[in-house]
């Protein structure tokens, strides 16, 4: 699962095994409560929640794809069973045709001998 996320996930999320670093970026001008540890925790919490949402949506899409594939597989299996039945019927017809052919061939052979 980590490989899938790392390959397809947004780059701004932390790595799943990574630990948050307590670094205050000087370019961010936060006011009051948003500064320091509390601001860091809120940002990290948002990133984790965003990642969870991304994984949840990916899982839901994978389940939908799985269901669609399952239905397609069921349809193909039904077609295969129908094809097997048709194959048996055609084999029976071929057997009857060959029996008729050999019977006629024997009749012609006997007629030519007389």
PDB file of N, CA and C in Angstrom:
ATOM      1  N   UNK A   1       0.825  -1.182   0.000  1.00  0.00           N
ATOM      2  CA  UNK A   1       0.000   0.000   0.000  1.00  0.00           C
ATOM      3  C   UNK A   1       0.870   1.247   0.000  1.00  0.00           C
ATOM      4  N   UNK A   2       1.978   1.202   0.728  1.00  0.00           N
ATOM      5  CA  UNK A   2       2.871   2.358   0.768  1.00  0.00           C
ATOM      6  C   UNK A   2       3.430   2.664  -0.608  1.00  0.00           C
ATOM      7  N   UNK A   3       3.762   1.624  -1.368  1.00  0.00           N
ATOM      8  CA  UNK A   3       4.304   1.833  -2.709  1.00  0.00           C
ATOM      9  C   UNK A   3       3.285   2.506  -3.608  1.00  0.00           C
ATOM     10  N   UNK A   4       2.021   2.086  -3.499  1.00  0.00           N
ATOM     11  CA  UNK A   4       0.968   2.682  -4.318  1.00  0.00           C
ATOM     12  C   UNK A   4       0.826   4.153  -3.964  1.00  0.00           C
ATOM     13  N   UNK A   5       0.817   4.450  -2.673  1.00  0.00           N
ATOM     14  CA  UNK A   5       0.661   5.834  -2.254  1.00  0.00           C
ATOM     15  C   UNK A   5       1.852   6.674  -2.701  1.00  0.00           C
ATOM     16  N   UNK A   6       3.054   6.151  -2.499  1.00  0.00           N
ATOM     17  CA  UNK A   6       4.242   6.912  -2.867  1.00  0.00           C
ATOM     18  C   UNK A   6       4.293   7.173  -4.366  1.00  0.00           C
ATOM     19  N   UNK A   7       3.785   6.228  -5.160  1.00  0.00           N
ATOM     20  CA  UNK A   7       3.807   6.395  -6.607  1.00  0.00           C
ATOM     21  C   UNK A   7       2.711   7.339  -7.089  1.00  0.00           C
ATOM     22  N   UNK A   8       1.551   7.325  -6.446  1.00  0.00           N
ATOM     23  CA  UNK A   8       0.399   8.062  -6.954  1.00  0.00           C
ATOM     24  C   UNK A   8      -0.069   9.214  -6.077  1.00  0.00           C
ATOM     25  N   UNK A   9       0.370   9.264  -4.848  1.00  0.00           N
ATOM     26  CA  UNK A   9      -0.126  10.263  -3.914  1.00  0.00           C
ATOM     27  C   UNK A   9       0.450  11.648  -4.170  1.00  0.00           C
ATOM     28  N   UNK A  10      -0.270  12.641  -3.681  1.00  0.00           N
ATOM     29  CA  UNK A  10       0.254  14.003  -3.802  1.00  0.00           C
ATOM     30  C   UNK A  10       1.601  14.127  -3.080  1.00  0.00           C
ATOM     31  N   UNK A  11       2.475  14.933  -3.610  1.00  0.00           N
ATOM     32  CA  UNK A  11       3.825  15.054  -3.058  1.00  0.00           C
ATOM     33  C   UNK A  11       3.873  15.845  -1.756  1.00  0.00           C
ATOM     34  N   UNK A  12       2.844  16.647  -1.461  1.00  0.00           N
ATOM     35  CA  UNK A  12       2.922  17.485  -0.264  1.00  0.00           C
ATOM     36  C   UNK A  12       2.624  16.727   1.025  1.00  0.00           C
ATOM     37  N   UNK A  13       2.180  15.471   0.940  1.00  0.00           N
ATOM     38  CA  UNK A  13       1.946  14.704   2.150  1.00  0.00           C
ATOM     39  C   UNK A  13       3.264  14.119   2.657  1.00  0.00           C
ATOM     40  N   UNK A  14       3.373  13.917   3.974  1.00  0.00           N
ATOM     41  CA  UNK A  14       4.595  13.285   4.493  1.00  0.00           C
ATOM     42  C   UNK A  14       4.605  11.807   4.120  1.00  0.00           C
ATOM     43  N   UNK A  15       5.778  11.234   4.115  1.00  0.00           N
ATOM     44  CA  UNK A  15       5.879   9.803   3.849  1.00  0.00           C
ATOM     45  C   UNK A  15       5.187   9.042   4.978  1.00  0.00           C
ATOM     46  N   UNK A  16       4.564   7.910   4.682  1.00  0.00           N
ATOM     47  CA  UNK A  16       3.828   7.186   5.726  1.00  0.00           C
ATOM     48  C   UNK A  16       4.681   6.788   6.920  1.00  0.00           C
ATOM     49  N   UNK A  17       5.955   6.500   6.713  1.00  0.00           N
ATOM     50  CA  UNK A  17       6.817   6.082   7.816  1.00  0.00           C
ATOM     51  C   UNK A  17       7.628   7.254   8.390  1.00  0.00           C
ATOM     52  N   UNK A  18       7.479   8.406   7.795  1.00  0.00           N
ATOM     53  CA  UNK A  18       8.251   9.558   8.243  1.00  0.00           C
ATOM     54  C   UNK A  18       7.706  10.156   9.529  1.00  0.00           C
ATOM     55  N   UNK A  19       8.561  10.745  10.292  1.00  0.00           N
ATOM     56  CA  UNK A  19       8.167  11.416  11.516  1.00  0.00           C
ATOM     57  C   UNK A  19       8.103  12.916  11.249  1.00  0.00           C
ATOM     58  N   UNK A  20       7.154  13.588  11.862  1.00  0.00           N
ATOM     59  CA  UNK A  20       7.072  15.034  11.649  1.00  0.00           C
ATOM     60  C   UNK A  20       8.286  15.738  12.259  1.00  0.00           C
ATOM     61  N   UNK A  21       8.746  16.726  11.572  1.00  0.00           N
ATOM     62  CA  UNK A  21       9.853  17.524  12.076  1.00  0.00           C
ATOM     63  C   UNK A  21       9.304  18.831  12.611  1.00  0.00           C
ATOM     64  N   UNK A  22       9.774  19.211  13.768  1.00  0.00           N
ATOM     65  CA  UNK A  22       9.309  20.441  14.387  1.00  0.00           C
ATOM     66  C   UNK A  22      10.190  21.580  13.893  1.00  0.00           C
ATOM     67  N   UNK A  23       9.854  22.057  12.709  1.00  0.00           N
ATOM     68  CA  UNK A  23      10.622  23.152  12.107  1.00  0.00           C
ATOM     69  C   UNK A  23       9.644  24.265  11.778  1.00  0.00           C
ATOM     70  N   UNK A  24       9.939  25.416  12.249  1.00  0.00           N
ATOM     71  CA  UNK A  24       9.103  26.556  11.929  1.00  0.00           C
ATOM     72  C   UNK A  24       9.718  27.260  10.736  1.00  0.00           C
ATOM     73  N   UNK A  25       8.932  27.344   9.674  1.00  0.00           N
ATOM     74  CA  UNK A  25       9.436  27.973   8.468  1.00  0.00           C
ATOM     75  C   UNK A  25       9.344  29.488   8.608  1.00  0.00           C
ATOM     76  N   UNK A  26      10.427  30.175   8.314  1.00  0.00           N
ATOM     77  CA  UNK A  26      10.409  31.629   8.471  1.00  0.00           C
ATOM     78  C   UNK A  26       9.529  32.318   7.437  1.00  0.00           C
ATOM     79  N   UNK A  27       9.269  31.651   6.303  1.00  0.00           N
ATOM     80  CA  UNK A  27       8.458  32.294   5.272  1.00  0.00           C
ATOM     81  C   UNK A  27       6.987  32.337   5.653  1.00  0.00           C
ATOM     82  N   UNK A  28       6.586  31.511   6.612  1.00  0.00           N
ATOM     83  CA  UNK A  28       5.193  31.494   7.042  1.00  0.00           C
ATOM     84  C   UNK A  28       5.032  32.508   8.169  1.00  0.00           C
ATOM     85  N   UNK A  29       4.201  33.468   7.944  1.00  0.00           N
ATOM     86  CA  UNK A  29       3.945  34.482   8.973  1.00  0.00           C
ATOM     87  C   UNK A  29       2.625  34.136   9.650  1.00  0.00           C
ATOM     88  N   UNK A  30       2.705  33.390  10.723  1.00  0.00           N
ATOM     89  CA  UNK A  30       1.512  32.988  11.460  1.00  0.00           C
ATOM     90  C   UNK A  30       1.253  33.979  12.581  1.00  0.00           C
ATOM     91  N   UNK A  31       0.018  34.044  12.963  1.00  0.00           N
ATOM     92  CA  UNK A  31      -0.339  34.971  14.034  1.00  0.00           C
ATOM     93  C   UNK A  31      -0.729  34.198  15.280  1.00  0.00           C
ATOM     94  N   UNK A  32      -0.366  34.679  16.377  1.00  0.00           N
ATOM     95  CA  UNK A  32      -0.775  34.176  17.686  1.00  0.00           C
ATOM     96  C   UNK A  32      -0.692  32.677  17.848  1.00  0.00           C
ATOM     97  N   UNK A  33      -1.872  32.010  17.877  1.00  0.00           N
ATOM     98  CA  UNK A  33      -1.962  30.595  18.169  1.00  0.00           C
ATOM     99  C   UNK A  33      -1.360  29.723  17.075  1.00  0.00           C
ATOM    100  N   UNK A  34      -1.298  30.215  15.852  1.00  0.00           N
ATOM    101  CA  UNK A  34      -0.792  29.409  14.743  1.00  0.00           C
ATOM    102  C   UNK A  34       0.723  29.255  14.772  1.00  0.00           C
ATOM    103  N   UNK A  35       1.377  29.921  15.617  1.00  0.00           N
ATOM    104  CA  UNK A  35       2.837  29.834  15.673  1.00  0.00           C
ATOM    105  C   UNK A  35       3.254  28.752  16.645  1.00  0.00           C
ATOM    106  N   UNK A  36       4.427  28.222  16.434  1.00  0.00           N
ATOM    107  CA  UNK A  36       5.000  27.258  17.368  1.00  0.00           C
ATOM    108  C   UNK A  36       4.433  25.860  17.219  1.00  0.00           C
ATOM    109  N   UNK A  37       4.456  25.161  18.346  1.00  0.00           N
ATOM    110  CA  UNK A  37       4.082  23.750  18.360  1.00  0.00           C
ATOM    111  C   UNK A  37       2.618  23.562  17.974  1.00  0.00           C
ATOM    112  N   UNK A  38       1.738  24.380  18.470  1.00  0.00           N
ATOM    113  CA  UNK A  38       0.316  24.230  18.176  1.00  0.00           C
ATOM    114  C   UNK A  38       0.056  24.381  16.680  1.00  0.00           C
ATOM    115  N   UNK A  39       0.661  25.340  16.050  1.00  0.00           N
ATOM    116  CA  UNK A  39       0.505  25.527  14.605  1.00  0.00           C
ATOM    117  C   UNK A  39       1.051  24.347  13.834  1.00  0.00           C
ATOM    118  N   UNK A  40       2.203  23.870  14.294  1.00  0.00           N
ATOM    119  CA  UNK A  40       2.811  22.705  13.642  1.00  0.00           C
ATOM    120  C   UNK A  40       1.885  21.496  13.735  1.00  0.00           C
ATOM    121  N   UNK A  41       1.334  21.269  14.917  1.00  0.00           N
ATOM    122  CA  UNK A  41       0.445  20.123  15.131  1.00  0.00           C
ATOM    123  C   UNK A  41      -0.795  20.249  14.259  1.00  0.00           C
ATOM    124  N   UNK A  42      -1.355  21.425  14.161  1.00  0.00           N
ATOM    125  CA  UNK A  42      -2.541  21.629  13.326  1.00  0.00           C
ATOM    126  C   UNK A  42      -2.230  21.369  11.859  1.00  0.00           C
ATOM    127  N   UNK A  43      -1.067  21.840  11.389  1.00  0.00           N
ATOM    128  CA  UNK A  43      -0.686  21.595   9.984  1.00  0.00           C
ATOM    129  C   UNK A  43      -0.471  20.103   9.751  1.00  0.00           C
ATOM    130  N   UNK A  44       0.215  19.463  10.662  1.00  0.00           N
ATOM    131  CA  UNK A  44       0.494  18.039  10.512  1.00  0.00           C
ATOM    132  C   UNK A  44      -0.809  17.231  10.578  1.00  0.00           C
ATOM    133  N   UNK A  45      -1.709  17.630  11.482  1.00  0.00           N
ATOM    134  CA  UNK A  45      -3.009  16.967  11.601  1.00  0.00           C
ATOM    135  C   UNK A  45      -3.786  17.086  10.289  1.00  0.00           C
ATOM    136  N   UNK A  46      -3.754  18.265   9.686  1.00  0.00           N
ATOM    137  CA  UNK A  46      -4.445  18.469   8.410  1.00  0.00           C
ATOM    138  C   UNK A  46      -3.828  17.593   7.325  1.00  0.00           C
ATOM    139  N   UNK A  47      -2.516  17.499   7.294  1.00  0.00           N
ATOM    140  CA  UNK A  47      -1.851  16.662   6.297  1.00  0.00           C
ATOM    141  C   UNK A  47      -2.223  15.188   6.484  1.00  0.00           C
ATOM    142  N   UNK A  48      -2.278  14.740   7.730  1.00  0.00           N
ATOM    143  CA  UNK A  48      -2.650  13.349   8.009  1.00  0.00           C
ATOM    144  C   UNK A  48      -4.095  13.103   7.595  1.00  0.00           C
ATOM    145  N   UNK A  49      -4.985  14.014   7.931  1.00  0.00           N
ATOM    146  CA  UNK A  49      -6.388  13.863   7.541  1.00  0.00           C
ATOM    147  C   UNK A  49      -6.551  13.879   6.027  1.00  0.00           C
ATOM    148  N   UNK A  50      -5.793  14.740   5.346  1.00  0.00           N
ATOM    149  CA  UNK A  50      -5.833  14.765   3.880  1.00  0.00           C
ATOM    150  C   UNK A  50      -5.357  13.438   3.299  1.00  0.00           C
ATOM    151  N   UNK A  51      -4.314  12.888   3.885  1.00  0.00           N
ATOM    152  CA  UNK A  51      -3.799  11.604   3.412  1.00  0.00           C
ATOM    153  C   UNK A  51      -4.823  10.502   3.648  1.00  0.00           C
ATOM    154  N   UNK A  52      -5.457  10.500   4.810  1.00  0.00           N
ATOM    155  CA  UNK A  52      -6.487   9.511   5.110  1.00  0.00           C
ATOM    156  C   UNK A  52      -7.630   9.627   4.107  1.00  0.00           C
ATOM    157  N   UNK A  53      -8.042  10.846   3.808  1.00  0.00           N
ATOM    158  CA  UNK A  53      -9.116  11.060   2.831  1.00  0.00           C
ATOM    159  C   UNK A  53      -8.706  10.547   1.459  1.00  0.00           C
ATOM    160  N   UNK A  54      -7.473  10.819   1.058  1.00  0.00           N
ATOM    161  CA  UNK A  54      -6.965  10.341  -0.230  1.00  0.00           C
ATOM    162  C   UNK A  54      -6.983   8.816  -0.277  1.00  0.00           C
ATOM    163  N   UNK A  55      -6.510   8.166   0.784  1.00  0.00           N
ATOM    164  CA  UNK A  55      -6.486   6.708   0.832  1.00  0.00           C
ATOM    165  C   UNK A  55      -7.898   6.133   0.848  1.00  0.00           C
ATOM    166  N   UNK A  56      -8.806   6.798   1.546  1.00  0.00           N
ATOM    167  CA  UNK A  56     -10.196   6.351   1.598  1.00  0.00           C
ATOM    168  C   UNK A  56     -10.816   6.416   0.202  1.00  0.00           C
ATOM    169  N   UNK A  57     -10.610   7.515  -0.502  1.00  0.00           N
ATOM    170  CA  UNK A  57     -11.145   7.648  -1.860  1.00  0.00           C
ATOM    171  C   UNK A  57     -10.519   6.621  -2.799  1.00  0.00           C
ATOM    172  N   UNK A  58      -9.221   6.382  -2.636  1.00  0.00           N
ATOM    173  CA  UNK A  58      -8.556   5.369  -3.465  1.00  0.00           C
ATOM    174  C   UNK A  58      -9.123   3.982  -3.185  1.00  0.00           C
ATOM    175  N   UNK A  59      -9.374   3.679  -1.923  1.00  0.00           N
ATOM    176  CA  UNK A  59      -9.954   2.391  -1.559  1.00  0.00           C
ATOM    177  C   UNK A  59     -11.359   2.243  -2.127  1.00  0.00           C
ATOM    178  N   UNK A  60     -12.163   3.293  -2.029  1.00  0.00           N
ATOM    179  CA  UNK A  60     -13.516   3.245  -2.577  1.00  0.00           C
ATOM    180  C   UNK A  60     -13.481   3.021  -4.091  1.00  0.00           C
ATOM    181  N   UNK A  61     -12.573   3.706  -4.771  1.00  0.00           N
ATOM    182  CA  UNK A  61     -12.455   3.529  -6.218  1.00  0.00           C
ATOM    183  C   UNK A  61     -11.986   2.114  -6.551  1.00  0.00           C
ATOM    184  N   UNK A  62     -11.048   1.599  -5.773  1.00  0.00           N
ATOM    185  CA  UNK A  62     -10.571   0.228  -6.000  1.00  0.00           C
ATOM    186  C   UNK A  62     -11.704  -0.775  -5.780  1.00  0.00           C
ATOM    187  N   UNK A  63     -12.545  -0.549  -4.778  1.00  0.00           N
ATOM    188  CA  UNK A  63     -13.687  -1.440  -4.536  1.00  0.00           C
ATOM    189  C   UNK A  63     -14.691  -1.378  -5.681  1.00  0.00           C
ATOM    190  N   UNK A  64     -14.926  -0.174  -6.216  1.00  0.00           N
ATOM    191  CA  UNK A  64     -15.822  -0.038  -7.370  1.00  0.00           C
ATOM    192  C   UNK A  64     -15.243  -0.774  -8.578  1.00  0.00           C
ATOM    193  N   UNK A  65     -13.941  -0.603  -8.802  1.00  0.00           N
ATOM    194  CA  UNK A  65     -13.285  -1.294  -9.915  1.00  0.00           C
ATOM    195  C   UNK A  65     -13.362  -2.800  -9.733  1.00  0.00           C
ATOM    196  N   UNK A  66     -13.154  -3.254  -8.501  1.00  0.00           N
ATOM    197  CA  UNK A  66     -13.220  -4.687  -8.210  1.00  0.00           C
ATOM    198  C   UNK A  66     -14.613  -5.227  -8.488  1.00  0.00           C
ATOM    199  N   UNK A  67     -15.644  -4.489  -8.091  1.00  0.00           N
ATOM    200  CA  UNK A  67     -17.021  -4.916  -8.328  1.00  0.00           C
ATOM    201  C   UNK A  67     -17.313  -4.976  -9.827  1.00  0.00           C
ATOM    202  N   UNK A  68     -16.858  -3.974 -10.572  1.00  0.00           N
ATOM    203  CA  UNK A  68     -17.073  -3.967 -12.022  1.00  0.00           C
ATOM    204  C   UNK A  68     -16.355  -5.150 -12.673  1.00  0.00           C
ATOM    205  N   UNK A  69     -15.146  -5.428 -12.236  1.00  0.00           N
ATOM    206  CA  UNK A  69     -14.398  -6.565 -12.780  1.00  0.00           C
ATOM    207  C   UNK A  69     -15.060  -7.886 -12.416  1.00  0.00           C
ATOM    208  N   UNK A  70     -15.601  -7.962 -11.221  1.00  0.00           N
ATOM    209  CA  UNK A  70     -16.299  -9.164 -10.787  1.00  0.00           C
ATOM    210  C   UNK A  70     -17.531  -9.411 -11.655  1.00  0.00           C
ATOM    211  N   UNK A  71     -18.271  -8.364 -11.953  1.00  0.00           N
ATOM    212  CA  UNK A  71     -19.439  -8.499 -12.817  1.00  0.00           C
ATOM    213  C   UNK A  71     -19.023  -8.908 -14.225  1.00  0.00           C
ATOM    214  N   UNK A  72     -17.956  -8.325 -14.730  1.00  0.00           N
ATOM    215  CA  UNK A  72     -17.443  -8.687 -16.057  1.00  0.00           C
ATOM    216  C   UNK A  72     -17.003 -10.150 -16.074  1.00  0.00           C
ATOM    217  N   UNK A  73     -16.358 -10.595 -15.013  1.00  0.00           N
ATOM    218  CA  UNK A  73     -15.923 -11.989 -14.910  1.00  0.00           C
ATOM    219  C   UNK A  73     -17.131 -12.928 -14.896  1.00  0.00           C
ATOM    220  N   UNK A  74     -18.168 -12.574 -14.151  1.00  0.00           N
ATOM    221  CA  UNK A  74     -19.384 -13.386 -14.124  1.00  0.00           C
ATOM    222  C   UNK A  74     -20.012 -13.483 -15.515  1.00  0.00           C
ATOM    223  N   UNK A  75     -20.056 -12.356 -16.232  1.00  0.00           N
ATOM    224  CA  UNK A  75     -20.617 -12.341 -17.580  1.00  0.00           C
ATOM    225  C   UNK A  75     -19.801 -13.235 -18.508  1.00  0.00           C
ATOM    226  N   UNK A  76     -18.481 -13.131 -18.422  1.00  0.00           N
ATOM    227  CA  UNK A  76     -17.619 -13.950 -19.276  1.00  0.00           C
ATOM    228  C   UNK A  76     -17.744 -15.436 -18.948  1.00  0.00           C
ATOM    229  N   UNK A  77     -17.905 -15.762 -17.673  1.00  0.00           N
ATOM    230  CA  UNK A  77     -18.084 -17.160 -17.289  1.00  0.00           C
ATOM    231  C   UNK A  77     -19.406 -17.712 -17.828  1.00  0.00           C
ATOM    232  N   UNK A  78     -20.459 -16.890 -17.813  1.00  0.00           N
ATOM    233  CA  UNK A  78     -21.727 -17.312 -18.378  1.00  0.00           C
ATOM    234  C   UNK A  78     -21.592 -17.548 -19.881  1.00  0.00           C
ATOM    235  N   UNK A  79     -20.884 -16.660 -20.569  1.00  0.00           N
ATOM    236  CA  UNK A  79     -20.651 -16.836 -21.996  1.00  0.00           C
ATOM    237  C   UNK A  79     -19.839 -18.099 -22.267  1.00  0.00           C
ATOM    238  N   UNK A  80     -18.861 -18.369 -21.417  1.00  0.00           N
ATOM    239  CA  UNK A  80     -18.048 -19.573 -21.572  1.00  0.00           C
ATOM    240  C   UNK A  80     -18.902 -20.825 -21.412  1.00  0.00           C
ATOM    241  N   UNK A  81     -19.767 -20.848 -20.420  1.00  0.00           N
ATOM    242  CA  UNK A  81     -20.656 -21.992 -20.225  1.00  0.00           C
ATOM    243  C   UNK A  81     -21.565 -22.173 -21.435  1.00  0.00           C
ATOM    244  N   UNK A  82     -22.094 -21.065 -21.969  1.00  0.00           N
ATOM    245  CA  UNK A  82     -22.926 -21.140 -23.175  1.00  0.00           C
ATOM    246  C   UNK A  82     -22.134 -21.669 -24.354  1.00  0.00           C
ATOM    247  N   UNK A  83     -20.894 -21.251 -24.469  1.00  0.00           N
ATOM    248  CA  UNK A  83     -20.031 -21.726 -25.554  1.00  0.00           C
ATOM    249  C   UNK A  83     -19.748 -23.215 -25.412  1.00  0.00           C
ATOM    250  N   UNK A  84     -19.559 -23.671 -24.180  1.00  0.00           N
ATOM    251  CA  UNK A  84     -19.323 -25.098 -23.963  1.00  0.00           C
ATOM    252  C   UNK A  84     -20.538 -25.919 -24.388  1.00  0.00           C
ATOM    253  N   UNK A  85     -21.731 -25.427 -24.043  1.00  0.00           N
ATOM    254  CA  UNK A  85     -22.955 -26.121 -24.440  1.00  0.00           C
ATOM    255  C   UNK A  85     -23.081 -26.148 -25.963  1.00  0.00           C
ATOM    256  N   UNK A  86     -22.802 -25.030 -26.594  1.00  0.00           N
ATOM    257  CA  UNK A  86     -22.866 -24.948 -28.061  1.00  0.00           C
ATOM    258  C   UNK A  86     -21.830 -25.880 -28.686  1.00  0.00           C
ATOM    259  N   UNK A  87     -20.651 -25.958 -28.088  1.00  0.00           N
ATOM    260  CA  UNK A  87     -19.595 -26.849 -28.574  1.00  0.00           C
ATOM    261  C   UNK A  87     -20.047 -28.307 -28.507  1.00  0.00           C
ATOM    262  N   UNK A  88     -20.699 -28.694 -27.400  1.00  0.00           N
ATOM    263  CA  UNK A  88     -21.199 -30.062 -27.268  1.00  0.00           C
ATOM    264  C   UNK A  88     -22.239 -30.362 -28.339  1.00  0.00           C
ATOM    265  N   UNK A  89     -23.130 -29.406 -28.578  1.00  0.00           N
ATOM    266  CA  UNK A  89     -24.158 -29.599 -29.600  1.00  0.00           C
ATOM    267  C   UNK A  89     -23.524 -29.755 -30.982  1.00  0.00           C
ATOM    268  N   UNK A  90     -22.535 -28.925 -31.284  1.00  0.00           N
ATOM    269  CA  UNK A  90     -21.861 -29.015 -32.577  1.00  0.00           C
ATOM    270  C   UNK A  90     -21.092 -30.328 -32.723  1.00  0.00           C
ATOM    271  N   UNK A  91     -20.478 -30.804 -31.638  1.00  0.00           N
ATOM    272  CA  UNK A  91     -19.783 -32.093 -31.686  1.00  0.00           C
ATOM    273  C   UNK A  91     -20.765 -33.224 -31.966  1.00  0.00           C
ATOM    274  N   UNK A  92     -21.956 -33.157 -31.373  1.00  0.00           N
ATOM    275  CA  UNK A  92     -22.990 -34.164 -31.633  1.00  0.00           C
ATOM    276  C   UNK A  92     -23.422 -34.141 -33.084  1.00  0.00           C
ATOM    277  N   UNK A  93     -23.635 -32.926 -33.626  1.00  0.00           N
ATOM    278  CA  UNK A  93     -24.023 -32.805 -35.031  1.00  0.00           C
ATOM    279  C   UNK A  93     -22.921 -33.332 -35.947  1.00  0.00           C
ATOM    280  N   UNK A  94     -21.664 -33.035 -35.625  1.00  0.00           N
ATOM    281  CA  UNK A  94     -20.543 -33.526 -36.431  1.00  0.00           C
ATOM    282  C   UNK A  94     -20.491 -35.048 -36.393  1.00  0.00           C
ATOM    283  N   UNK A  95     -20.718 -35.620 -35.230  1.00  0.00           N
ATOM    284  CA  UNK A  95     -20.704 -37.077 -35.099  1.00  0.00           C
ATOM    285  C   UNK A  95     -21.808 -37.697 -35.959  1.00  0.00           C
ATOM    286  N   UNK A  96     -23.001 -37.111 -35.905  1.00  0.00           N
ATOM    287  CA  UNK A  96     -24.114 -37.610 -36.720  1.00  0.00           C
ATOM    288  C   UNK A  96     -23.798 -37.469 -38.209  1.00  0.00           C
ATOM    289  N   UNK A  97     -23.208 -36.359 -38.603  1.00  0.00           N
ATOM    290  CA  UNK A  97     -22.862 -36.128 -39.997  1.00  0.00           C
ATOM    291  C   UNK A  97     -21.811 -37.130 -40.458  1.00  0.00           C
ATOM    292  N   UNK A  98     -20.813 -37.387 -39.635  1.00  0.00           N
ATOM    293  CA  UNK A  98     -19.777 -38.371 -39.994  1.00  0.00           C
ATOM    294  C   UNK A  98     -20.366 -39.773 -40.099  1.00  0.00           C
ATOM    295  N   UNK A  99     -21.282 -40.120 -39.186  1.00  0.00           N
ATOM    296  CA  UNK A  99     -21.935 -41.425 -39.265  1.00  0.00           C
ATOM    297  C   UNK A  99     -22.704 -41.550 -40.578  1.00  0.00           C
ATOM    298  N   UNK A 100     -23.431 -40.504 -40.937  1.00  0.00           N
ATOM    299  CA  UNK A 100     -24.182 -40.507 -42.195  1.00  0.00           C
ATOM    300  C   UNK A 100     -23.232 -40.622 -43.383  1.00  0.00           C
ATOM    301  N   UNK A 101     -22.132 -39.882 -43.347  1.00  0.00           N
ATOM    302  CA  UNK A 101     -21.156 -39.912 -44.441  1.00  0.00           C
ATOM    303  C   UNK A 101     -20.580 -41.319 -44.607  1.00  0.00           C
ATOM    304  N   UNK A 102     -20.162 -41.938 -43.496  1.00  0.00           N
ATOM    305  CA  UNK A 102     -19.573 -43.278 -43.574  1.00  0.00           C
ATOM    306  C   UNK A 102     -20.612 -44.310 -44.019  1.00  0.00           C
ATOM    307  N   UNK A 103     -21.839 -44.143 -43.587  1.00  0.00           N
ATOM    308  CA  UNK A 103     -22.902 -45.050 -44.027  1.00  0.00           C
ATOM    309  C   UNK A 103     -23.105 -44.931 -45.532  1.00  0.00           C
ATOM    310  N   UNK A 104     -23.182 -43.692 -46.017  1.00  0.00           N
ATOM    311  CA  UNK A 104     -23.340 -43.482 -47.457  1.00  0.00           C
ATOM    312  C   UNK A 104     -22.128 -43.997 -48.233  1.00  0.00           C
ATOM    313  N   UNK A 105     -20.947 -43.800 -47.699  1.00  0.00           N
ATOM    314  CA  UNK A 105     -19.731 -44.275 -48.352  1.00  0.00           C
ATOM    315  C   UNK A 105     -19.742 -45.804 -48.454  1.00  0.00           C
ATOM    316  N   UNK A 106     -20.157 -46.453 -47.378  1.00  0.00           N
ATOM    317  CA  UNK A 106     -20.264 -47.915 -47.404  1.00  0.00           C
ATOM    318  C   UNK A 106     -21.319 -48.374 -48.420  1.00  0.00           C
ATOM    319  N   UNK A 107     -22.459 -47.663 -48.469  1.00  0.00           N
ATOM    320  CA  UNK A 107     -23.509 -48.013 -49.425  1.00  0.00           C
ATOM    321  C   UNK A 107     -23.008 -47.860 -50.862  1.00  0.00           C
ATOM    322  N   UNK A 108     -22.293 -46.769 -51.144  1.00  0.00           N
ATOM    323  CA  UNK A 108     -21.739 -46.537 -52.477  1.00  0.00           C
ATOM    324  C   UNK A 108     -20.699 -47.597 -52.798  1.00  0.00           C
ATOM    325  N   UNK A 109     -19.869 -47.944 -51.823  1.00  0.00           N
ATOM    326  CA  UNK A 109     -18.836 -48.961 -52.034  1.00  0.00           C
ATOM    327  C   UNK A 109     -19.476 -50.305 -52.358  1.00  0.00           C
ATOM    328  N   UNK A 110     -20.541 -50.686 -51.626  1.00  0.00           N
ATOM    329  CA  UNK A 110     -21.243 -51.951 -51.890  1.00  0.00           C
ATOM    330  C   UNK A 110     -21.934 -51.924 -53.258  1.00  0.00           C
ATOM    331  N   UNK A 111     -22.472 -50.755 -53.594  1.00  0.00           N
ATOM    332  CA  UNK A 111     -23.145 -50.645 -54.882  1.00  0.00           C
ATOM    333  C   UNK A 111     -22.149 -50.771 -56.035  1.00  0.00           C
ATOM    334  N   UNK A 112     -20.975 -50.264 -55.876  1.00  0.00           N
ATOM    335  CA  UNK A 112     -19.957 -50.350 -56.914  1.00  0.00           C
ATOM    336  C   UNK A 112     -19.434 -51.769 -57.046  1.00  0.00           C
ATOM    337  N   UNK A 113     -19.418 -52.525 -55.959  1.00  0.00           N
ATOM    338  CA  UNK A 113     -18.937 -53.893 -55.994  1.00  0.00           C
ATOM    339  C   UNK A 113     -19.929 -54.795 -56.713  1.00  0.00           C
ATOM    340  N   UNK A 114     -21.184 -54.481 -56.725  1.00  0.00           N
ATOM    341  CA  UNK A 114     -22.192 -55.325 -57.361  1.00  0.00           C
ATOM    342  C   UNK A 114     -22.260 -55.145 -58.813  1.00  0.00           C
TER     343      UNK A 114
END
